Amino acid sequence: MRKSLIMLVFALITISFAASCREEKSTGEKIEEGIDDVGDGIEEGAEEVEDAVEDATDHN
């Protein structure tokens, strides 16, 4: 019983330590990351359109 209690306390301490060490992002960093995500999405969409156009022209 005592071993499991010690392990539980150790686990809680480890989790709280890991959570407190997380790096907080500034608003500017969050905005920049969002812009990058949107840019990646647009790029992927353009590639899909390009592939669809190539497929359509290959069949004709």
C-alpha atoms as a PDB file:
ATOM      1  CA  MET A   1       0.000   0.000   0.000  1.00  0.00           C
ATOM      2  CA  ARG A   2       2.782   2.388   0.899  1.00  0.00           C
ATOM      3  CA  LYS A   3       4.676   1.659  -2.342  1.00  0.00           C
ATOM      4  CA  SER A   4       1.640   2.435  -4.459  1.00  0.00           C
ATOM      5  CA  LEU A   5       1.068   5.684  -2.547  1.00  0.00           C
ATOM      6  CA  ILE A   6       4.687   6.717  -3.102  1.00  0.00           C
ATOM      7  CA  MET A   7       4.413   5.864  -6.806  1.00  0.00           C
ATOM      8  CA  LEU A   8       1.202   7.895  -7.093  1.00  0.00           C
ATOM      9  CA  VAL A   9       2.795  10.917  -5.410  1.00  0.00           C
ATOM     10  CA  PHE A  10       5.874  10.572  -7.635  1.00  0.00           C
ATOM     11  CA  ALA A  11       3.667  10.416 -10.748  1.00  0.00           C
ATOM     12  CA  LEU A  12       1.725  13.523  -9.705  1.00  0.00           C
ATOM     13  CA  ILE A  13       4.929  15.439  -9.021  1.00  0.00           C
ATOM     14  CA  THR A  14       6.343  14.396 -12.393  1.00  0.00           C
ATOM     15  CA  ILE A  15       3.175  15.452 -14.227  1.00  0.00           C
ATOM     16  CA  SER A  16       3.033  18.810 -12.456  1.00  0.00           C
ATOM     17  CA  PHE A  17       6.722  19.430 -13.208  1.00  0.00           C
ATOM     18  CA  ALA A  18       6.254  18.606 -16.880  1.00  0.00           C
ATOM     19  CA  ALA A  19       3.187  20.844 -17.122  1.00  0.00           C
ATOM     20  CA  SER A  20       4.972  23.784 -15.517  1.00  0.00           C
ATOM     21  CA  CYS A  21       7.871  23.515 -17.982  1.00  0.00           C
ATOM     22  CA  ARG A  22       5.692  23.988 -21.055  1.00  0.00           C
ATOM     23  CA  GLU A  23       6.766  26.853 -23.228  1.00  0.00           C
ATOM     24  CA  GLU A  24       4.145  29.555 -23.492  1.00  0.00           C
ATOM     25  CA  LYS A  25       3.746  31.089 -26.943  1.00  0.00           C
ATOM     26  CA  SER A  26       3.270  34.792 -27.424  1.00  0.00           C
ATOM     27  CA  THR A  27       0.339  36.131 -29.411  1.00  0.00           C
ATOM     28  CA  GLY A  28       2.644  36.953 -32.310  1.00  0.00           C
ATOM     29  CA  GLU A  29       3.969  33.404 -32.397  1.00  0.00           C
ATOM     30  CA  LYS A  30       0.433  31.996 -32.357  1.00  0.00           C
ATOM     31  CA  ILE A  31      -0.582  34.288 -35.235  1.00  0.00           C
ATOM     32  CA  GLU A  32       2.522  33.363 -37.228  1.00  0.00           C
ATOM     33  CA  GLU A  33       1.829  29.660 -36.685  1.00  0.00           C
ATOM     34  CA  GLY A  34      -1.774  30.139 -37.823  1.00  0.00           C
ATOM     35  CA  ILE A  35      -0.655  31.954 -40.960  1.00  0.00           C
ATOM     36  CA  ASP A  36       1.810  29.164 -41.717  1.00  0.00           C
ATOM     37  CA  ASP A  37      -0.967  26.570 -41.289  1.00  0.00           C
ATOM     38  CA  VAL A  38      -3.251  28.481 -43.663  1.00  0.00           C
ATOM     39  CA  GLY A  39      -0.427  28.800 -46.190  1.00  0.00           C
ATOM     40  CA  ASP A  40       0.247  25.067 -45.977  1.00  0.00           C
ATOM     41  CA  GLY A  41      -3.443  24.355 -46.522  1.00  0.00           C
ATOM     42  CA  ILE A  42      -3.569  26.608 -49.583  1.00  0.00           C
ATOM     43  CA  GLU A  43      -0.456  24.974 -50.992  1.00  0.00           C
ATOM     44  CA  GLU A  44      -1.918  21.487 -50.488  1.00  0.00           C
ATOM     45  CA  GLY A  45      -5.172  22.572 -52.137  1.00  0.00           C
ATOM     46  CA  ALA A  46      -3.316  24.005 -55.124  1.00  0.00           C
ATOM     47  CA  GLU A  47      -1.391  20.749 -55.519  1.00  0.00           C
ATOM     48  CA  GLU A  48      -4.645  18.772 -55.439  1.00  0.00           C
ATOM     49  CA  VAL A  49      -6.149  21.043 -58.122  1.00  0.00           C
ATOM     50  CA  GLU A  50      -3.011  20.653 -60.227  1.00  0.00           C
ATOM     51  CA  ASP A  51      -3.223  16.873 -59.926  1.00  0.00           C
ATOM     52  CA  ALA A  52      -6.904  16.924 -60.865  1.00  0.00           C
ATOM     53  CA  VAL A  53      -6.201  19.082 -63.924  1.00  0.00           C
ATOM     54  CA  GLU A  54      -3.381  16.754 -64.994  1.00  0.00           C
ATOM     55  CA  ASP A  55      -5.651  13.731 -64.569  1.00  0.00           C
ATOM     56  CA  ALA A  56      -8.422  15.404 -66.580  1.00  0.00           C
ATOM     57  CA  THR A  57      -6.081  16.354 -69.421  1.00  0.00           C
ATOM     58  CA  ASP A  58      -4.499  12.879 -69.504  1.00  0.00           C
ATOM     59  CA  HIS A  59      -7.859  11.226 -70.211  1.00  0.00           C
ATOM     60  CA  ASN A  60      -8.659  13.454 -73.218  1.00  0.00           C
END
